[in-house]
Amino acid sequence: MPRPTKQNLGALLVQSLTELRDGLKGQSGKLTVKTVEIPDPPAFDAGTIHRLRNRLGLSQALFAKLLGVSRKLVEAWEAGKRTPSPMACRLLDAIAHRPTFYVRRRRVA
């Protein structure tokens, strides 16, 4: 759809509102309604984080660098003193599902 100009913006707005009204009244038309469900990220407790880090073969410092957090925070997570934020849990979940995408091993001669 081309970008509306000032001249046709009003007409486009009226057309869109008319389609919305007709759709709400149950009349057929172009109105599409989608429901999107975004589940909460899985919870990561101290043991799960420690096992994931060990599975990756990373120190706390390297694991922290991978996640973009401090080593102290990873240490606090693994000690059970703090819990990861929902955003951190999403990243941890992604790493758990595709570890080789995030950590690639290279052999140094």
PDB file of N, CA and C in Angstrom:
ATOM      1  N   MET A   1       0.853  -1.178   0.000  1.00  0.00           N
ATOM      2  CA  MET A   1       0.000   0.000   0.000  1.00  0.00           C
ATOM      3  C   MET A   1       0.893   1.233   0.000  1.00  0.00           C
ATOM      4  N   PRO A   2       0.682   2.159  -0.942  1.00  0.00           N
ATOM      5  CA  PRO A   2       1.516   3.353  -0.991  1.00  0.00           C
ATOM      6  C   PRO A   2       1.264   4.243   0.225  1.00  0.00           C
ATOM      7  N   ARG A   3       2.263   5.002   0.546  1.00  0.00           N
ATOM      8  CA  ARG A   3       2.154   5.918   1.688  1.00  0.00           C
ATOM      9  C   ARG A   3       1.098   6.989   1.384  1.00  0.00           C
ATOM     10  N   PRO A   4       0.189   7.207   2.334  1.00  0.00           N
ATOM     11  CA  PRO A   4      -0.856   8.201   2.075  1.00  0.00           C
ATOM     12  C   PRO A   4      -0.286   9.617   2.039  1.00  0.00           C
ATOM     13  N   THR A   5      -0.854  10.420   1.157  1.00  0.00           N
ATOM     14  CA  THR A   5      -0.471  11.834   1.093  1.00  0.00           C
ATOM     15  C   THR A   5      -1.461  12.629   1.914  1.00  0.00           C
ATOM     16  N   LYS A   6      -1.152  13.894   2.123  1.00  0.00           N
ATOM     17  CA  LYS A   6      -2.059  14.743   2.900  1.00  0.00           C
ATOM     18  C   LYS A   6      -3.432  14.833   2.234  1.00  0.00           C
ATOM     19  N   GLN A   7      -3.447  14.764   0.903  1.00  0.00           N
ATOM     20  CA  GLN A   7      -4.702  14.898   0.180  1.00  0.00           C
ATOM     21  C   GLN A   7      -5.606  13.687   0.393  1.00  0.00           C
ATOM     22  N   ASN A   8      -5.038  12.474   0.421  1.00  0.00           N
ATOM     23  CA  ASN A   8      -5.910  11.310   0.516  1.00  0.00           C
ATOM     24  C   ASN A   8      -5.945  10.689   1.913  1.00  0.00           C
ATOM     25  N   LEU A   9      -5.259  11.289   2.878  1.00  0.00           N
ATOM     26  CA  LEU A   9      -5.242  10.747   4.224  1.00  0.00           C
ATOM     27  C   LEU A   9      -6.641  10.735   4.843  1.00  0.00           C
ATOM     28  N   GLY A  10      -7.393  11.806   4.650  1.00  0.00           N
ATOM     29  CA  GLY A  10      -8.754  11.871   5.192  1.00  0.00           C
ATOM     30  C   GLY A  10      -9.651  10.796   4.601  1.00  0.00           C
ATOM     31  N   ALA A  11      -9.559  10.600   3.290  1.00  0.00           N
ATOM     32  CA  ALA A  11     -10.377   9.578   2.631  1.00  0.00           C
ATOM     33  C   ALA A  11      -9.992   8.188   3.129  1.00  0.00           C
ATOM     34  N   LEU A  12      -8.712   7.945   3.314  1.00  0.00           N
ATOM     35  CA  LEU A  12      -8.249   6.653   3.810  1.00  0.00           C
ATOM     36  C   LEU A  12      -8.750   6.410   5.232  1.00  0.00           C
ATOM     37  N   LEU A  13      -8.717   7.423   6.056  1.00  0.00           N
ATOM     38  CA  LEU A  13      -9.206   7.311   7.430  1.00  0.00           C
ATOM     39  C   LEU A  13     -10.701   7.010   7.459  1.00  0.00           C
ATOM     40  N   VAL A  14     -11.466   7.707   6.639  1.00  0.00           N
ATOM     41  CA  VAL A  14     -12.909   7.453   6.573  1.00  0.00           C
ATOM     42  C   VAL A  14     -13.172   6.029   6.101  1.00  0.00           C
ATOM     43  N   GLN A  15     -12.452   5.576   5.083  1.00  0.00           N
ATOM     44  CA  GLN A  15     -12.635   4.221   4.564  1.00  0.00           C
ATOM     45  C   GLN A  15     -12.305   3.183   5.641  1.00  0.00           C
ATOM     46  N   SER A  16     -11.226   3.388   6.353  1.00  0.00           N
ATOM     47  CA  SER A  16     -10.824   2.440   7.399  1.00  0.00           C
ATOM     48  C   SER A  16     -11.840   2.385   8.525  1.00  0.00           C
ATOM     49  N   LEU A  17     -12.332   3.531   8.947  1.00  0.00           N
ATOM     50  CA  LEU A  17     -13.333   3.567  10.013  1.00  0.00           C
ATOM     51  C   LEU A  17     -14.653   2.944   9.557  1.00  0.00           C
ATOM     52  N   THR A  18     -14.994   3.127   8.295  1.00  0.00           N
ATOM     53  CA  THR A  18     -16.209   2.507   7.745  1.00  0.00           C
ATOM     54  C   THR A  18     -16.071   0.992   7.749  1.00  0.00           C
ATOM     55  N   GLU A  19     -14.911   0.480   7.345  1.00  0.00           N
ATOM     56  CA  GLU A  19     -14.682  -0.964   7.363  1.00  0.00           C
ATOM     57  C   GLU A  19     -14.733  -1.512   8.784  1.00  0.00           C
ATOM     58  N   LEU A  20     -14.198  -0.767   9.728  1.00  0.00           N
ATOM     59  CA  LEU A  20     -14.244  -1.183  11.122  1.00  0.00           C
ATOM     60  C   LEU A  20     -15.684  -1.239  11.615  1.00  0.00           C
ATOM     61  N   ARG A  21     -16.458  -0.195  11.312  1.00  0.00           N
ATOM     62  CA  ARG A  21     -17.859  -0.158  11.726  1.00  0.00           C
ATOM     63  C   ARG A  21     -18.627  -1.333  11.140  1.00  0.00           C
ATOM     64  N   ASP A  22     -18.446  -1.583   9.844  1.00  0.00           N
ATOM     65  CA  ASP A  22     -19.148  -2.678   9.192  1.00  0.00           C
ATOM     66  C   ASP A  22     -18.744  -4.026   9.780  1.00  0.00           C
ATOM     67  N   GLY A  23     -17.461  -4.172  10.072  1.00  0.00           N
ATOM     68  CA  GLY A  23     -16.991  -5.419  10.664  1.00  0.00           C
ATOM     69  C   GLY A  23     -17.569  -5.644  12.045  1.00  0.00           C
ATOM     70  N   LEU A  24     -17.665  -4.594  12.832  1.00  0.00           N
ATOM     71  CA  LEU A  24     -18.234  -4.717  14.173  1.00  0.00           C
ATOM     72  C   LEU A  24     -19.718  -5.025  14.133  1.00  0.00           C
ATOM     73  N   LYS A  25     -20.392  -4.614  13.074  1.00  0.00           N
ATOM     74  CA  LYS A  25     -21.816  -4.899  12.916  1.00  0.00           C
ATOM     75  C   LYS A  25     -22.046  -6.297  12.353  1.00  0.00           C
ATOM     76  N   GLY A  26     -20.962  -7.004  12.012  1.00  0.00           N
ATOM     77  CA  GLY A  26     -21.088  -8.354  11.479  1.00  0.00           C
ATOM     78  C   GLY A  26     -21.218  -8.404   9.979  1.00  0.00           C
ATOM     79  N   GLN A  27     -21.080  -7.291   9.317  1.00  0.00           N
ATOM     80  CA  GLN A  27     -21.155  -7.288   7.866  1.00  0.00           C
ATOM     81  C   GLN A  27     -19.829  -7.761   7.291  1.00  0.00           C
ATOM     82  N   SER A  28     -19.910  -8.438   6.151  1.00  0.00           N
ATOM     83  CA  SER A  28     -18.681  -8.939   5.539  1.00  0.00           C
ATOM     84  C   SER A  28     -17.861  -7.773   5.018  1.00  0.00           C
ATOM     85  N   GLY A  29     -16.598  -7.984   4.995  1.00  0.00           N
ATOM     86  CA  GLY A  29     -15.700  -6.936   4.518  1.00  0.00           C
ATOM     87  C   GLY A  29     -14.264  -7.356   4.719  1.00  0.00           C
ATOM     88  N   LYS A  30     -13.387  -6.408   4.761  1.00  0.00           N
ATOM     89  CA  LYS A  30     -11.963  -6.678   4.848  1.00  0.00           C
ATOM     90  C   LYS A  30     -11.429  -6.720   6.277  1.00  0.00           C
ATOM     91  N   LEU A  31     -12.271  -6.541   7.251  1.00  0.00           N
ATOM     92  CA  LEU A  31     -11.803  -6.468   8.628  1.00  0.00           C
ATOM     93  C   LEU A  31     -11.241  -7.814   9.064  1.00  0.00           C
ATOM     94  N   THR A  32     -10.020  -7.805   9.530  1.00  0.00           N
ATOM     95  CA  THR A  32      -9.364  -9.004  10.031  1.00  0.00           C
ATOM     96  C   THR A  32      -8.989  -8.760  11.488  1.00  0.00           C
ATOM     97  N   VAL A  33      -9.385  -9.677  12.325  1.00  0.00           N
ATOM     98  CA  VAL A  33      -9.044  -9.580  13.738  1.00  0.00           C
ATOM     99  C   VAL A  33      -8.208 -10.794  14.088  1.00  0.00           C
ATOM    100  N   LYS A  34      -7.064 -10.555  14.692  1.00  0.00           N
ATOM    101  CA  LYS A  34      -6.182 -11.643  15.088  1.00  0.00           C
ATOM    102  C   LYS A  34      -5.953 -11.554  16.588  1.00  0.00           C
ATOM    103  N   THR A  35      -5.936 -12.694  17.205  1.00  0.00           N
ATOM    104  CA  THR A  35      -5.603 -12.765  18.613  1.00  0.00           C
ATOM    105  C   THR A  35      -4.223 -13.392  18.715  1.00  0.00           C
ATOM    106  N   VAL A  36      -3.353 -12.719  19.386  1.00  0.00           N
ATOM    107  CA  VAL A  36      -1.996 -13.206  19.554  1.00  0.00           C
ATOM    108  C   VAL A  36      -1.772 -13.459  21.029  1.00  0.00           C
ATOM    109  N   GLU A  37      -1.341 -14.668  21.334  1.00  0.00           N
ATOM    110  CA  GLU A  37      -1.050 -15.012  22.719  1.00  0.00           C
ATOM    111  C   GLU A  37       0.450 -15.177  22.866  1.00  0.00           C
ATOM    112  N   ILE A  38       1.015 -14.444  23.784  1.00  0.00           N
ATOM    113  CA  ILE A  38       2.442 -14.544  24.055  1.00  0.00           C
ATOM    114  C   ILE A  38       2.590 -15.151  25.444  1.00  0.00           C
ATOM    115  N   PRO A  39       3.041 -16.395  25.500  1.00  0.00           N
ATOM    116  CA  PRO A  39       3.151 -17.039  26.811  1.00  0.00           C
ATOM    117  C   PRO A  39       4.273 -16.423  27.643  1.00  0.00           C
ATOM    118  N   ASP A  40       4.122 -16.535  28.954  1.00  0.00           N
ATOM    119  CA  ASP A  40       5.181 -16.078  29.843  1.00  0.00           C
ATOM    120  C   ASP A  40       6.416 -16.937  29.618  1.00  0.00           C
ATOM    121  N   PRO A  41       7.592 -16.360  29.793  1.00  0.00           N
ATOM    122  CA  PRO A  41       8.797 -17.163  29.629  1.00  0.00           C
ATOM    123  C   PRO A  41       8.901 -18.185  30.761  1.00  0.00           C
ATOM    124  N   PRO A  42       9.588 -19.293  30.510  1.00  0.00           N
ATOM    125  CA  PRO A  42       9.749 -20.275  31.579  1.00  0.00           C
ATOM    126  C   PRO A  42      10.622 -19.698  32.694  1.00  0.00           C
ATOM    127  N   ALA A  43      10.371 -20.156  33.895  1.00  0.00           N
ATOM    128  CA  ALA A  43      11.171 -19.701  35.036  1.00  0.00           C
ATOM    129  C   ALA A  43      12.498 -20.447  35.059  1.00  0.00           C
ATOM    130  N   PHE A  44      13.542 -19.771  35.446  1.00  0.00           N
ATOM    131  CA  PHE A  44      14.859 -20.372  35.597  1.00  0.00           C
ATOM    132  C   PHE A  44      15.292 -20.200  37.039  1.00  0.00           C
ATOM    133  N   ASP A  45      15.467 -21.331  37.730  1.00  0.00           N
ATOM    134  CA  ASP A  45      15.938 -21.258  39.109  1.00  0.00           C
ATOM    135  C   ASP A  45      17.457 -21.448  39.129  1.00  0.00           C
ATOM    136  N   ALA A  46      18.035 -21.390  40.317  1.00  0.00           N
ATOM    137  CA  ALA A  46      19.489 -21.452  40.472  1.00  0.00           C
ATOM    138  C   ALA A  46      20.076 -22.710  39.835  1.00  0.00           C
ATOM    139  N   GLY A  47      19.466 -23.848  40.107  1.00  0.00           N
ATOM    140  CA  GLY A  47      19.988 -25.106  39.572  1.00  0.00           C
ATOM    141  C   GLY A  47      19.908 -25.187  38.063  1.00  0.00           C
ATOM    142  N   THR A  48      18.823 -24.707  37.500  1.00  0.00           N
ATOM    143  CA  THR A  48      18.643 -24.741  36.046  1.00  0.00           C
ATOM    144  C   THR A  48      19.677 -23.855  35.356  1.00  0.00           C
ATOM    145  N   ILE A  49      19.925 -22.703  35.927  1.00  0.00           N
ATOM    146  CA  ILE A  49      20.921 -21.784  35.340  1.00  0.00           C
ATOM    147  C   ILE A  49      22.309 -22.413  35.421  1.00  0.00           C
ATOM    148  N   HIS A  50      22.639 -22.989  36.567  1.00  0.00           N
ATOM    149  CA  HIS A  50      23.943 -23.622  36.751  1.00  0.00           C
ATOM    150  C   HIS A  50      24.128 -24.784  35.760  1.00  0.00           C
ATOM    151  N   ARG A  51      23.097 -25.606  35.602  1.00  0.00           N
ATOM    152  CA  ARG A  51      23.181 -26.733  34.662  1.00  0.00           C
ATOM    153  C   ARG A  51      23.345 -26.249  33.224  1.00  0.00           C
ATOM    154  N   LEU A  52      22.634 -25.179  32.856  1.00  0.00           N
ATOM    155  CA  LEU A  52      22.761 -24.636  31.504  1.00  0.00           C
ATOM    156  C   LEU A  52      24.179 -24.115  31.276  1.00  0.00           C
ATOM    157  N   ARG A  53      24.701 -23.392  32.232  1.00  0.00           N
ATOM    158  CA  ARG A  53      26.058 -22.859  32.095  1.00  0.00           C
ATOM    159  C   ARG A  53      27.068 -23.998  31.963  1.00  0.00           C
ATOM    160  N   ASN A  54      26.917 -25.021  32.773  1.00  0.00           N
ATOM    161  CA  ASN A  54      27.823 -26.171  32.692  1.00  0.00           C
ATOM    162  C   ASN A  54      27.684 -26.902  31.353  1.00  0.00           C
ATOM    163  N   ARG A  55      26.454 -27.034  30.877  1.00  0.00           N
ATOM    164  CA  ARG A  55      26.212 -27.671  29.585  1.00  0.00           C
ATOM    165  C   ARG A  55      26.928 -26.935  28.459  1.00  0.00           C
ATOM    166  N   LEU A  56      26.985 -25.608  28.587  1.00  0.00           N
ATOM    167  CA  LEU A  56      27.671 -24.793  27.585  1.00  0.00           C
ATOM    168  C   LEU A  56      29.190 -24.812  27.780  1.00  0.00           C
ATOM    169  N   GLY A  57      29.622 -25.266  28.960  1.00  0.00           N
ATOM    170  CA  GLY A  57      31.054 -25.308  29.251  1.00  0.00           C
ATOM    171  C   GLY A  57      31.654 -23.936  29.449  1.00  0.00           C
ATOM    172  N   LEU A  58      30.888 -23.024  30.044  1.00  0.00           N
ATOM    173  CA  LEU A  58      31.347 -21.647  30.223  1.00  0.00           C
ATOM    174  C   LEU A  58      31.560 -21.328  31.700  1.00  0.00           C
ATOM    175  N   SER A  59      32.519 -20.470  31.951  1.00  0.00           N
ATOM    176  CA  SER A  59      32.694 -19.927  33.292  1.00  0.00           C
ATOM    177  C   SER A  59      31.571 -18.929  33.554  1.00  0.00           C
ATOM    178  N   GLN A  60      31.428 -18.516  34.803  1.00  0.00           N
ATOM    179  CA  GLN A  60      30.413 -17.508  35.101  1.00  0.00           C
ATOM    180  C   GLN A  60      30.687 -16.221  34.341  1.00  0.00           C
ATOM    181  N   ALA A  61      31.963 -15.864  34.206  1.00  0.00           N
ATOM    182  CA  ALA A  61      32.315 -14.629  33.501  1.00  0.00           C
ATOM    183  C   ALA A  61      31.934 -14.702  32.016  1.00  0.00           C
ATOM    184  N   LEU A  62      32.240 -15.830  31.366  1.00  0.00           N
ATOM    185  CA  LEU A  62      31.885 -15.959  29.944  1.00  0.00           C
ATOM    186  C   LEU A  62      30.373 -16.067  29.752  1.00  0.00           C
ATOM    187  N   PHE A  63      29.714 -16.778  30.656  1.00  0.00           N
ATOM    188  CA  PHE A  63      28.253 -16.893  30.589  1.00  0.00           C
ATOM    189  C   PHE A  63      27.619 -15.511  30.733  1.00  0.00           C
ATOM    190  N   ALA A  64      28.147 -14.716  31.659  1.00  0.00           N
ATOM    191  CA  ALA A  64      27.651 -13.356  31.857  1.00  0.00           C
ATOM    192  C   ALA A  64      27.850 -12.522  30.596  1.00  0.00           C
ATOM    193  N   LYS A  65      29.008 -12.666  29.960  1.00  0.00           N
ATOM    194  CA  LYS A  65      29.277 -11.915  28.729  1.00  0.00           C
ATOM    195  C   LYS A  65      28.300 -12.315  27.634  1.00  0.00           C
ATOM    196  N   LEU A  66      28.023 -13.612  27.523  1.00  0.00           N
ATOM    197  CA  LEU A  66      27.053 -14.101  26.543  1.00  0.00           C
ATOM    198  C   LEU A  66      25.681 -13.457  26.757  1.00  0.00           C
ATOM    199  N   LEU A  67      25.278 -13.334  28.013  1.00  0.00           N
ATOM    200  CA  LEU A  67      23.962 -12.799  28.342  1.00  0.00           C
ATOM    201  C   LEU A  67      23.927 -11.269  28.392  1.00  0.00           C
ATOM    202  N   GLY A  68      25.087 -10.642  28.453  1.00  0.00           N
ATOM    203  CA  GLY A  68      25.125  -9.183  28.561  1.00  0.00           C
ATOM    204  C   GLY A  68      24.817  -8.694  29.961  1.00  0.00           C
ATOM    205  N   VAL A  69      25.212  -9.495  30.957  1.00  0.00           N
ATOM    206  CA  VAL A  69      25.007  -9.114  32.357  1.00  0.00           C
ATOM    207  C   VAL A  69      26.347  -9.243  33.079  1.00  0.00           C
ATOM    208  N   SER A  70      26.369  -8.852  34.340  1.00  0.00           N
ATOM    209  CA  SER A  70      27.613  -8.945  35.104  1.00  0.00           C
ATOM    210  C   SER A  70      27.816 -10.357  35.655  1.00  0.00           C
ATOM    211  N   ARG A  71      29.083 -10.682  35.929  1.00  0.00           N
ATOM    212  CA  ARG A  71      29.401 -11.965  36.544  1.00  0.00           C
ATOM    213  C   ARG A  71      28.755 -12.069  37.912  1.00  0.00           C
ATOM    214  N   LYS A  72      28.706 -10.955  38.632  1.00  0.00           N
ATOM    215  CA  LYS A  72      28.077 -10.943  39.958  1.00  0.00           C
ATOM    216  C   LYS A  72      26.600 -11.323  39.877  1.00  0.00           C
ATOM    217  N   LEU A  73      25.926 -10.899  38.819  1.00  0.00           N
ATOM    218  CA  LEU A  73      24.514 -11.243  38.662  1.00  0.00           C
ATOM    219  C   LEU A  73      24.353 -12.735  38.401  1.00  0.00           C
ATOM    220  N   VAL A  74      25.185 -13.291  37.541  1.00  0.00           N
ATOM    221  CA  VAL A  74      25.130 -14.740  37.287  1.00  0.00           C
ATOM    222  C   VAL A  74      25.404 -15.488  38.590  1.00  0.00           C
ATOM    223  N   GLU A  75      26.380 -15.025  39.346  1.00  0.00           N
ATOM    224  CA  GLU A  75      26.705 -15.635  40.634  1.00  0.00           C
ATOM    225  C   GLU A  75      25.498 -15.584  41.579  1.00  0.00           C
ATOM    226  N   ALA A  76      24.816 -14.446  41.613  1.00  0.00           N
ATOM    227  CA  ALA A  76      23.630 -14.302  42.477  1.00  0.00           C
ATOM    228  C   ALA A  76      22.494 -15.206  42.004  1.00  0.00           C
ATOM    229  N   TRP A  77      22.309 -15.352  40.687  1.00  0.00           N
ATOM    230  CA  TRP A  77      21.290 -16.263  40.167  1.00  0.00           C
ATOM    231  C   TRP A  77      21.578 -17.693  40.608  1.00  0.00           C
ATOM    232  N   GLU A  78      22.836 -18.108  40.441  1.00  0.00           N
ATOM    233  CA  GLU A  78      23.201 -19.487  40.767  1.00  0.00           C
ATOM    234  C   GLU A  78      23.173 -19.757  42.270  1.00  0.00           C
ATOM    235  N   ALA A  79      23.338 -18.731  43.069  1.00  0.00           N
ATOM    236  CA  ALA A  79      23.268 -18.890  44.527  1.00  0.00           C
ATOM    237  C   ALA A  79      21.825 -18.811  45.021  1.00  0.00           C
ATOM    238  N   GLY A  80      20.896 -18.477  44.134  1.00  0.00           N
ATOM    239  CA  GLY A  80      19.493 -18.358  44.524  1.00  0.00           C
ATOM    240  C   GLY A  80      19.171 -17.055  45.227  1.00  0.00           C
ATOM    241  N   LYS A  81      20.085 -16.093  45.187  1.00  0.00           N
ATOM    242  CA  LYS A  81      19.863 -14.795  45.842  1.00  0.00           C
ATOM    243  C   LYS A  81      19.007 -13.872  44.979  1.00  0.00           C
ATOM    244  N   ARG A  82      19.054 -14.067  43.677  1.00  0.00           N
ATOM    245  CA  ARG A  82      18.250 -13.263  42.745  1.00  0.00           C
ATOM    246  C   ARG A  82      17.677 -14.190  41.698  1.00  0.00           C
ATOM    247  N   THR A  83      16.609 -13.735  41.052  1.00  0.00           N
ATOM    248  CA  THR A  83      16.020 -14.502  39.954  1.00  0.00           C
ATOM    249  C   THR A  83      16.104 -13.672  38.676  1.00  0.00           C
ATOM    250  N   PRO A  84      16.281 -14.329  37.550  1.00  0.00           N
ATOM    251  CA  PRO A  84      16.377 -13.598  36.286  1.00  0.00           C
ATOM    252  C   PRO A  84      15.061 -12.896  35.943  1.00  0.00           C
ATOM    253  N   SER A  85      15.189 -11.757  35.284  1.00  0.00           N
ATOM    254  CA  SER A  85      14.020 -11.020  34.807  1.00  0.00           C
ATOM    255  C   SER A  85      13.338 -11.833  33.711  1.00  0.00           C
ATOM    256  N   PRO A  86      12.082 -11.508  33.385  1.00  0.00           N
ATOM    257  CA  PRO A  86      11.418 -12.214  32.284  1.00  0.00           C
ATOM    258  C   PRO A  86      12.203 -12.139  30.966  1.00  0.00           C
ATOM    259  N   MET A  87      12.812 -10.990  30.682  1.00  0.00           N
ATOM    260  CA  MET A  87      13.587 -10.861  29.447  1.00  0.00           C
ATOM    261  C   MET A  87      14.804 -11.786  29.494  1.00  0.00           C
ATOM    262  N   ALA A  88      15.487 -11.855  30.639  1.00  0.00           N
ATOM    263  CA  ALA A  88      16.635 -12.754  30.776  1.00  0.00           C
ATOM    264  C   ALA A  88      16.180 -14.205  30.635  1.00  0.00           C
ATOM    265  N   CYS A  89      15.004 -14.536  31.178  1.00  0.00           N
ATOM    266  CA  CYS A  89      14.482 -15.899  31.058  1.00  0.00           C
ATOM    267  C   CYS A  89      14.206 -16.262  29.609  1.00  0.00           C
ATOM    268  N   ARG A  90      13.703 -15.308  28.819  1.00  0.00           N
ATOM    269  CA  ARG A  90      13.480 -15.570  27.392  1.00  0.00           C
ATOM    270  C   ARG A  90      14.805 -15.880  26.690  1.00  0.00           C
ATOM    271  N   LEU A  91      15.846 -15.104  27.010  1.00  0.00           N
ATOM    272  CA  LEU A  91      17.146 -15.343  26.407  1.00  0.00           C
ATOM    273  C   LEU A  91      17.724 -16.673  26.877  1.00  0.00           C
ATOM    274  N   LEU A  92      17.620 -16.970  28.159  1.00  0.00           N
ATOM    275  CA  LEU A  92      18.103 -18.242  28.680  1.00  0.00           C
ATOM    276  C   LEU A  92      17.393 -19.416  27.999  1.00  0.00           C
ATOM    277  N   ASP A  93      16.107 -19.274  27.792  1.00  0.00           N
ATOM    278  CA  ASP A  93      15.324 -20.321  27.126  1.00  0.00           C
ATOM    279  C   ASP A  93      15.791 -20.513  25.686  1.00  0.00           C
ATOM    280  N   ALA A  94      16.027 -19.412  24.994  1.00  0.00           N
ATOM    281  CA  ALA A  94      16.507 -19.496  23.609  1.00  0.00           C
ATOM    282  C   ALA A  94      17.869 -20.175  23.564  1.00  0.00           C
ATOM    283  N   ILE A  95      18.750 -19.826  24.491  1.00  0.00           N
ATOM    284  CA  ILE A  95      20.076 -20.434  24.539  1.00  0.00           C
ATOM    285  C   ILE A  95      19.963 -21.920  24.851  1.00  0.00           C
ATOM    286  N   ALA A  96      19.068 -22.269  25.769  1.00  0.00           N
ATOM    287  CA  ALA A  96      18.884 -23.677  26.133  1.00  0.00           C
ATOM    288  C   ALA A  96      18.397 -24.507  24.941  1.00  0.00           C
ATOM    289  N   HIS A  97      17.578 -23.909  24.080  1.00  0.00           N
ATOM    290  CA  HIS A  97      17.038 -24.635  22.935  1.00  0.00           C
ATOM    291  C   HIS A  97      18.005 -24.713  21.759  1.00  0.00           C
ATOM    292  N   ARG A  98      18.886 -23.720  21.623  1.00  0.00           N
ATOM    293  CA  ARG A  98      19.842 -23.714  20.503  1.00  0.00           C
ATOM    294  C   ARG A  98      21.222 -23.281  20.980  1.00  0.00           C
ATOM    295  N   PRO A  99      21.843 -24.064  21.831  1.00  0.00           N
ATOM    296  CA  PRO A  99      23.122 -23.648  22.411  1.00  0.00           C
ATOM    297  C   PRO A  99      24.223 -23.422  21.378  1.00  0.00           C
ATOM    298  N   THR A 100      24.284 -24.226  20.335  1.00  0.00           N
ATOM    299  CA  THR A 100      25.363 -24.057  19.356  1.00  0.00           C
ATOM    300  C   THR A 100      25.200 -22.791  18.518  1.00  0.00           C
ATOM    301  N   PHE A 101      24.010 -22.249  18.483  1.00  0.00           N
ATOM    302  CA  PHE A 101      23.797 -20.978  17.791  1.00  0.00           C
ATOM    303  C   PHE A 101      24.461 -19.844  18.568  1.00  0.00           C
ATOM    304  N   TYR A 102      24.496 -19.970  19.884  1.00  0.00           N
ATOM    305  CA  TYR A 102      25.028 -18.908  20.737  1.00  0.00           C
ATOM    306  C   TYR A 102      26.491 -19.112  21.119  1.00  0.00           C
ATOM    307  N   VAL A 103      26.919 -20.357  21.206  1.00  0.00           N
ATOM    308  CA  VAL A 103      28.297 -20.644  21.598  1.00  0.00           C
ATOM    309  C   VAL A 103      28.907 -21.565  20.549  1.00  0.00           C
ATOM    310  N   ARG A 104      29.901 -21.054  19.855  1.00  0.00           N
ATOM    311  CA  ARG A 104      30.610 -21.843  18.850  1.00  0.00           C
ATOM    312  C   ARG A 104      32.029 -22.080  19.342  1.00  0.00           C
ATOM    313  N   ARG A 105      32.432 -23.293  19.303  1.00  0.00           N
ATOM    314  CA  ARG A 105      33.773 -23.667  19.762  1.00  0.00           C
ATOM    315  C   ARG A 105      34.728 -23.632  18.579  1.00  0.00           C
ATOM    316  N   ARG A 106      35.900 -23.044  18.798  1.00  0.00           N
ATOM    317  CA  ARG A 106      36.953 -23.059  17.793  1.00  0.00           C
ATOM    318  C   ARG A 106      38.193 -23.661  18.433  1.00  0.00           C
ATOM    319  N   ARG A 107      38.842 -24.441  17.685  1.00  0.00           N
ATOM    320  CA  ARG A 107      40.071 -25.044  18.179  1.00  0.00           C
ATOM    321  C   ARG A 107      41.229 -24.128  17.843  1.00  0.00           C
ATOM    322  N   VAL A 108      42.016 -23.809  18.839  1.00  0.00           N
ATOM    323  CA  VAL A 108      43.174 -22.951  18.628  1.00  0.00           C
ATOM    324  C   VAL A 108      44.417 -23.826  18.650  1.00  0.00           C
ATOM    325  N   ALA A 109      45.200 -23.732  17.607  1.00  0.00           N
ATOM    326  CA  ALA A 109      46.402 -24.592  17.498  1.00  0.00           C
ATOM    327  C   ALA A 109      47.542 -24.045  18.321  1.00  0.00           C
TER     328      ALA A 109
END
